[in-house]
Amino acid sequence: MTQHAAHQTGTSPTGPSGRREGWVTGGVMFAAVLMLVGGVLAVLQGIAAIAADDVYTRVGTYVYELNLTGWGWIHLVVGVLVAVTGWGLMMGAPWARVAGITLAAISLILQFLFLPYQPVWSVVMMAIDVFVIWALASWRETPATR
């Protein structure tokens, strides 16, 4: 089949939407890896906050103050859920897409609230969470990915 005929029938290798579909599909796998690694790092961040409260320093006063041990448990639980969801995305689990969007949104909010303790890390993680939400929300399943 010629490239022109493939374009007319919508059966090009990259799908009817052109190159963007491949970009988004690759973005989903990248988001899955980011979730897996970010989840593991959140678990380690949580353990550090639970084990020794002197690991993190607070920058001034903050409206949403919470005991650092409490933050540690929150990061630990959310980190485990994010890592498992990232693994599920890599394995193609159907539940992982919605769970990934939900957990990335929760992580984004938690990182915003954690800004006084680790400002640079929180901003980096917020940017990663935005990318994960975009990648998972813009992914359209095709018959080949089901």
C-alpha atoms as a PDB file:
ATOM      1  CA  MET A   1       0.000   0.000   0.000  1.00  0.00           C
ATOM      2  CA  THR A   2       1.422   3.364  -0.914  1.00  0.00           C
ATOM      3  CA  GLN A   3       1.889   6.076   1.658  1.00  0.00           C
ATOM      4  CA  HIS A   4      -0.861   8.137   0.000  1.00  0.00           C
ATOM      5  CA  ALA A   5      -3.323   5.230   0.148  1.00  0.00           C
ATOM      6  CA  ALA A   6      -2.375   4.514   3.768  1.00  0.00           C
ATOM      7  CA  HIS A   7      -3.025   8.143   4.630  1.00  0.00           C
ATOM      8  CA  GLN A   8      -6.438   8.060   2.950  1.00  0.00           C
ATOM      9  CA  THR A   9      -7.525   4.917   4.788  1.00  0.00           C
ATOM     10  CA  GLY A  10      -6.057   6.026   8.108  1.00  0.00           C
ATOM     11  CA  THR A  11      -3.830   2.949   8.441  1.00  0.00           C
ATOM     12  CA  SER A  12      -0.452   4.616   8.604  1.00  0.00           C
ATOM     13  CA  PRO A  13       2.050   3.074  11.027  1.00  0.00           C
ATOM     14  CA  THR A  14       1.615   5.995  13.386  1.00  0.00           C
ATOM     15  CA  GLY A  15      -2.172   5.858  13.306  1.00  0.00           C
ATOM     16  CA  PRO A  16      -4.826   8.127  11.859  1.00  0.00           C
ATOM     17  CA  SER A  17      -3.687  11.086  13.949  1.00  0.00           C
ATOM     18  CA  GLY A  18      -0.175  11.049  12.487  1.00  0.00           C
ATOM     19  CA  ARG A  19       3.034  11.341  14.485  1.00  0.00           C
ATOM     20  CA  ARG A  20       1.366  12.661  17.646  1.00  0.00           C
ATOM     21  CA  GLU A  21       0.026   9.218  18.562  1.00  0.00           C
ATOM     22  CA  GLY A  22       3.538   7.754  18.730  1.00  0.00           C
ATOM     23  CA  TRP A  23       4.686  10.715  20.800  1.00  0.00           C
ATOM     24  CA  VAL A  24       1.837  10.274  23.266  1.00  0.00           C
ATOM     25  CA  THR A  25       2.313   6.504  23.479  1.00  0.00           C
ATOM     26  CA  GLY A  26       6.017   7.027  24.178  1.00  0.00           C
ATOM     27  CA  GLY A  27       5.054   9.712  26.672  1.00  0.00           C
ATOM     28  CA  VAL A  28       2.820   7.233  28.493  1.00  0.00           C
ATOM     29  CA  MET A  29       5.676   4.755  28.892  1.00  0.00           C
ATOM     30  CA  PHE A  30       7.943   7.572  30.061  1.00  0.00           C
ATOM     31  CA  ALA A  31       5.229   8.688  32.506  1.00  0.00           C
ATOM     32  CA  ALA A  32       4.997   5.098  33.784  1.00  0.00           C
ATOM     33  CA  VAL A  33       8.737   4.994  34.438  1.00  0.00           C
ATOM     34  CA  LEU A  34       8.602   8.418  36.091  1.00  0.00           C
ATOM     35  CA  MET A  35       5.770   7.225  38.321  1.00  0.00           C
ATOM     36  CA  LEU A  36       7.649   4.075  39.288  1.00  0.00           C
ATOM     37  CA  VAL A  37      10.859   5.944  40.114  1.00  0.00           C
ATOM     38  CA  GLY A  38       9.020   8.893  41.700  1.00  0.00           C
ATOM     39  CA  GLY A  39       7.033   6.509  43.872  1.00  0.00           C
ATOM     40  CA  VAL A  40      10.187   4.798  45.118  1.00  0.00           C
ATOM     41  CA  LEU A  41      11.765   8.198  45.833  1.00  0.00           C
ATOM     42  CA  ALA A  42       8.616   9.301  47.702  1.00  0.00           C
ATOM     43  CA  VAL A  43       8.842   6.148  49.827  1.00  0.00           C
ATOM     44  CA  LEU A  44      12.460   6.998  50.669  1.00  0.00           C
ATOM     45  CA  GLN A  45      11.450  10.610  51.352  1.00  0.00           C
ATOM     46  CA  GLY A  46       8.738   9.361  53.696  1.00  0.00           C
ATOM     47  CA  ILE A  47      11.097   7.016  55.516  1.00  0.00           C
ATOM     48  CA  ALA A  48      13.573   9.864  55.997  1.00  0.00           C
ATOM     49  CA  ALA A  49      10.850  12.081  57.455  1.00  0.00           C
ATOM     50  CA  ILE A  50       9.577   9.326  59.769  1.00  0.00           C
ATOM     51  CA  ALA A  51      13.010   8.165  60.958  1.00  0.00           C
ATOM     52  CA  ALA A  52      14.614  11.517  61.732  1.00  0.00           C
ATOM     53  CA  ASP A  53      12.731  14.785  61.927  1.00  0.00           C
ATOM     54  CA  ASP A  54      15.990  16.726  61.565  1.00  0.00           C
ATOM     55  CA  VAL A  55      16.464  15.673  57.908  1.00  0.00           C
ATOM     56  CA  TYR A  56      14.117  18.397  56.673  1.00  0.00           C
ATOM     57  CA  THR A  57      14.184  22.037  57.649  1.00  0.00           C
ATOM     58  CA  ARG A  58      11.162  24.280  57.400  1.00  0.00           C
ATOM     59  CA  VAL A  59      11.494  27.649  55.680  1.00  0.00           C
ATOM     60  CA  GLY A  60       9.550  30.077  57.908  1.00  0.00           C
ATOM     61  CA  THR A  61       5.982  29.585  59.029  1.00  0.00           C
ATOM     62  CA  TYR A  62       3.394  27.956  56.857  1.00  0.00           C
ATOM     63  CA  VAL A  63      -0.379  27.901  56.793  1.00  0.00           C
ATOM     64  CA  TYR A  64      -0.623  24.142  56.127  1.00  0.00           C
ATOM     65  CA  GLU A  65       1.725  22.996  58.864  1.00  0.00           C
ATOM     66  CA  LEU A  66       1.718  19.308  59.679  1.00  0.00           C
ATOM     67  CA  ASN A  67       3.952  17.249  61.905  1.00  0.00           C
ATOM     68  CA  LEU A  68       6.920  16.069  59.830  1.00  0.00           C
ATOM     69  CA  THR A  69       6.275  12.481  60.886  1.00  0.00           C
ATOM     70  CA  GLY A  70       2.755  12.879  59.493  1.00  0.00           C
ATOM     71  CA  TRP A  71       4.207  14.083  56.201  1.00  0.00           C
ATOM     72  CA  GLY A  72       6.501  11.075  56.220  1.00  0.00           C
ATOM     73  CA  TRP A  73       3.593   8.648  56.477  1.00  0.00           C
ATOM     74  CA  ILE A  74       1.684  10.501  53.755  1.00  0.00           C
ATOM     75  CA  HIS A  75       4.687  10.350  51.395  1.00  0.00           C
ATOM     76  CA  LEU A  76       5.248   6.695  52.234  1.00  0.00           C
ATOM     77  CA  VAL A  77       1.675   5.625  51.466  1.00  0.00           C
ATOM     78  CA  VAL A  78       1.294   7.777  48.349  1.00  0.00           C
ATOM     79  CA  GLY A  79       4.746   6.693  47.142  1.00  0.00           C
ATOM     80  CA  VAL A  80       3.816   3.006  47.357  1.00  0.00           C
ATOM     81  CA  LEU A  81       0.554   3.645  45.485  1.00  0.00           C
ATOM     82  CA  VAL A  82       2.336   5.703  42.789  1.00  0.00           C
ATOM     83  CA  ALA A  83       5.044   3.061  42.306  1.00  0.00           C
ATOM     84  CA  VAL A  84       2.471   0.263  41.999  1.00  0.00           C
ATOM     85  CA  THR A  85       0.461   2.337  39.518  1.00  0.00           C
ATOM     86  CA  GLY A  86       3.598   3.080  37.488  1.00  0.00           C
ATOM     87  CA  TRP A  87       4.305  -0.653  37.365  1.00  0.00           C
ATOM     88  CA  GLY A  88       0.697  -1.268  36.323  1.00  0.00           C
ATOM     89  CA  LEU A  89       1.040   1.242  33.493  1.00  0.00           C
ATOM     90  CA  MET A  90       4.193  -0.470  32.289  1.00  0.00           C
ATOM     91  CA  MET A  91       2.367  -3.815  32.298  1.00  0.00           C
ATOM     92  CA  GLY A  92      -0.647  -2.344  30.465  1.00  0.00           C
ATOM     93  CA  ALA A  93      -3.158  -2.737  33.308  1.00  0.00           C
ATOM     94  CA  PRO A  94      -6.493  -1.130  32.344  1.00  0.00           C
ATOM     95  CA  TRP A  95      -7.041   0.397  35.824  1.00  0.00           C
ATOM     96  CA  ALA A  96      -3.654   2.132  35.856  1.00  0.00           C
ATOM     97  CA  ARG A  97      -4.525   5.060  33.573  1.00  0.00           C
ATOM     98  CA  VAL A  98      -7.267   6.527  35.772  1.00  0.00           C
ATOM     99  CA  ALA A  99      -5.364   5.638  38.929  1.00  0.00           C
ATOM    100  CA  GLY A 100      -2.259   7.327  37.493  1.00  0.00           C
ATOM    101  CA  ILE A 101      -4.077  10.563  36.723  1.00  0.00           C
ATOM    102  CA  THR A 102      -5.679  10.569  40.166  1.00  0.00           C
ATOM    103  CA  LEU A 103      -2.447   9.816  42.019  1.00  0.00           C
ATOM    104  CA  ALA A 104      -0.449  12.346  39.988  1.00  0.00           C
ATOM    105  CA  ALA A 105      -3.028  15.007  40.889  1.00  0.00           C
ATOM    106  CA  ILE A 106      -2.845  14.023  44.575  1.00  0.00           C
ATOM    107  CA  SER A 107       0.954  14.044  44.403  1.00  0.00           C
ATOM    108  CA  LEU A 108       0.915  17.497  42.805  1.00  0.00           C
ATOM    109  CA  ILE A 109      -1.211  18.868  45.660  1.00  0.00           C
ATOM    110  CA  LEU A 110       0.920  17.158  48.309  1.00  0.00           C
ATOM    111  CA  GLN A 111       4.124  18.506  46.780  1.00  0.00           C
ATOM    112  CA  PHE A 112       2.646  22.000  46.827  1.00  0.00           C
ATOM    113  CA  LEU A 113       1.861  21.596  50.511  1.00  0.00           C
ATOM    114  CA  PHE A 114       5.388  20.232  51.127  1.00  0.00           C
ATOM    115  CA  LEU A 115       7.066  23.288  49.527  1.00  0.00           C
ATOM    116  CA  PRO A 116       8.405  24.767  52.800  1.00  0.00           C
ATOM    117  CA  TYR A 117      10.393  21.623  53.570  1.00  0.00           C
ATOM    118  CA  GLN A 118      11.949  20.888  50.161  1.00  0.00           C
ATOM    119  CA  PRO A 119      11.171  23.774  47.760  1.00  0.00           C
ATOM    120  CA  VAL A 120      13.334  22.777  44.785  1.00  0.00           C
ATOM    121  CA  TRP A 121      12.424  19.076  44.950  1.00  0.00           C
ATOM    122  CA  SER A 122       8.736  19.907  45.316  1.00  0.00           C
ATOM    123  CA  VAL A 123       8.752  22.158  42.240  1.00  0.00           C
ATOM    124  CA  VAL A 124      10.554  19.492  40.183  1.00  0.00           C
ATOM    125  CA  MET A 125       8.070  16.826  41.293  1.00  0.00           C
ATOM    126  CA  MET A 126       5.139  19.149  40.545  1.00  0.00           C
ATOM    127  CA  ALA A 127       6.429  19.584  36.976  1.00  0.00           C
ATOM    128  CA  ILE A 128       6.786  15.808  36.607  1.00  0.00           C
ATOM    129  CA  ASP A 129       3.251  15.314  37.944  1.00  0.00           C
ATOM    130  CA  VAL A 130       1.901  17.772  35.358  1.00  0.00           C
ATOM    131  CA  PHE A 131       3.661  15.824  32.588  1.00  0.00           C
ATOM    132  CA  VAL A 132       2.269  12.521  33.886  1.00  0.00           C
ATOM    133  CA  ILE A 133      -1.263  13.935  33.968  1.00  0.00           C
ATOM    134  CA  TRP A 134      -0.872  15.272  30.418  1.00  0.00           C
ATOM    135  CA  ALA A 135       0.557  12.010  29.066  1.00  0.00           C
ATOM    136  CA  LEU A 136      -2.116   9.827  30.627  1.00  0.00           C
ATOM    137  CA  ALA A 137      -4.998  12.186  29.828  1.00  0.00           C
ATOM    138  CA  SER A 138      -4.032  12.598  26.171  1.00  0.00           C
ATOM    139  CA  TRP A 139      -3.428   8.891  25.529  1.00  0.00           C
ATOM    140  CA  ARG A 140      -6.124   7.392  23.326  1.00  0.00           C
ATOM    141  CA  GLU A 141      -6.286   3.633  23.345  1.00  0.00           C
ATOM    142  CA  THR A 142      -6.127   1.985  19.949  1.00  0.00           C
ATOM    143  CA  PRO A 143      -7.073  -1.639  19.256  1.00  0.00           C
ATOM    144  CA  ALA A 144      -3.359  -2.510  19.362  1.00  0.00           C
ATOM    145  CA  THR A 145      -2.938  -1.119  22.919  1.00  0.00           C
ATOM    146  CA  ARG A 146      -5.996  -2.786  24.447  1.00  0.00           C
END
